[in-house]
Amino acid sequence: MVTKKTNKVSSQVSESSSSEKKVVAQSKPVSTTIWNKTKEQKLAKFMQTWQSEMGQTYKGTYNGEKPNHLGYVFPDVIKNGQLDGKVKWGSRKINLTWSTNGENGNEFQIVAVATGGKPGTNFPTSYLFCIHNKRPVVLMTQTTNGNTLEVQDTQNGDLQAGFAGIVTGTRPAVLTDASLNTDVSSSVKVSPQRWPNAYQGTWYYYDTSDKKVDSQPESKISDVKLTYLKIQNIKWLDVRGAHQTAGDGTYEYVRYHYYDGCQIPVMMTAGGAGAWFTLNAYPNKAVSRAV
C-alpha cells in the first residue's frame, strides 16, 4: 500500500535517468566563500548555545580542541589518512577530507567536528560538519567499535538548519511531520475516501533479502478502506482491503527525514496489533538505494 508526496520541492537527489520525484526544504548550494574563520566563530557560538539548551557538553575543533571519538582524534584522523577507506555513509563508502575553506575540490569536506554528549554518557556522539558538493550537511556517528566509522545525517533539525544558515547566510525552515499529515483525518472521513496528499504516488524501498529496490505503487482507493488511529504516540493511516473483515491492516505514516542536507518525505510502514515497524519507503529509487 503506498502513497504520495505532498507539495514537494524539486529534489537534489533524484536519478539522472528520470525525473523521479521531489524532495523538500533543502539548503541551497553556495558559490562564493563557503567556509572561513568568521563562519567558524559563528559555529562555535551556535554550538555553545545549542549544547546548553540540550543539556550536553561537546569539544569542538572550532574552539581549537581535538575531539576524541573513542580513539578517533579529529581532525588528525582525517588529515593523516587514518580514515581512508573506513567511512560508510548509509550503503556507500566515502572518503573524508579536511578543509579550512570548503573549497578543496573533494566531495566530502569536513570543516569542523564536535564530540560529546550528556554528562555520564559512556559512548560519545560526534557531529561532522560537512560540505558535500557545496551543500552544508551535518553528519553524525555513534560508532563504538569495528574498523568502519559509520556516519549518517543527523535528524536534529536545529543542527542542520543552524549550520546551513552559517554557511549560506540563510537559515532554512525546519518542516514538521504534522505538515505532511494535515489532511489525513479529512481524507478518511470524506465519502468516497481519498488518499491524503502526502501518501499518493509510488514509493521505493530496498529489499535487503533480494538486494534490490522494490516499489510500492499507489492502490486504487476503491480497493481499500482507510481508518485513522493512534498507536505508540503515532497517528497511523490504517489501510485494509475494501472488503476485509478481520485481521490487521498495513499502517502507514509519512514523516520528514534529513538526507544530504534536505528534508525528504519518508513513508514508515508497520503491521500487527502493536504496529511493529516493517520498513521505510522513499520518494525515489536513488535515495532508497543509498540510505
Foldseek 3Di string as FASTA:
>chain_A
DWFAAFPFAQDPQADPVDSQDGFHQFQDFDDPFQAALVLLVLVVVLVVVVCVVVQKDKDKVSVVDFDQQQNDTPPVCLDVVVCPQAEAEFPRGDHEHEDNGLPPPDQWYFDMKIWITHPPDPGIKMWTFIQGVRGTFIKIFRDDDDRHTYIYGDQPLCVLQSSSCSRHVDRTDDDWLCVLCVCVVVQQPDVPHDGRNRTAAKWWAADPVVRAIDIDGDDDSCQWHWDWDDAPNDTWTFIGGNPDDDAGGKTWGWTWGDHRRTTGIKIWIAGDPRRHTDGIIGSHRSVNNRD
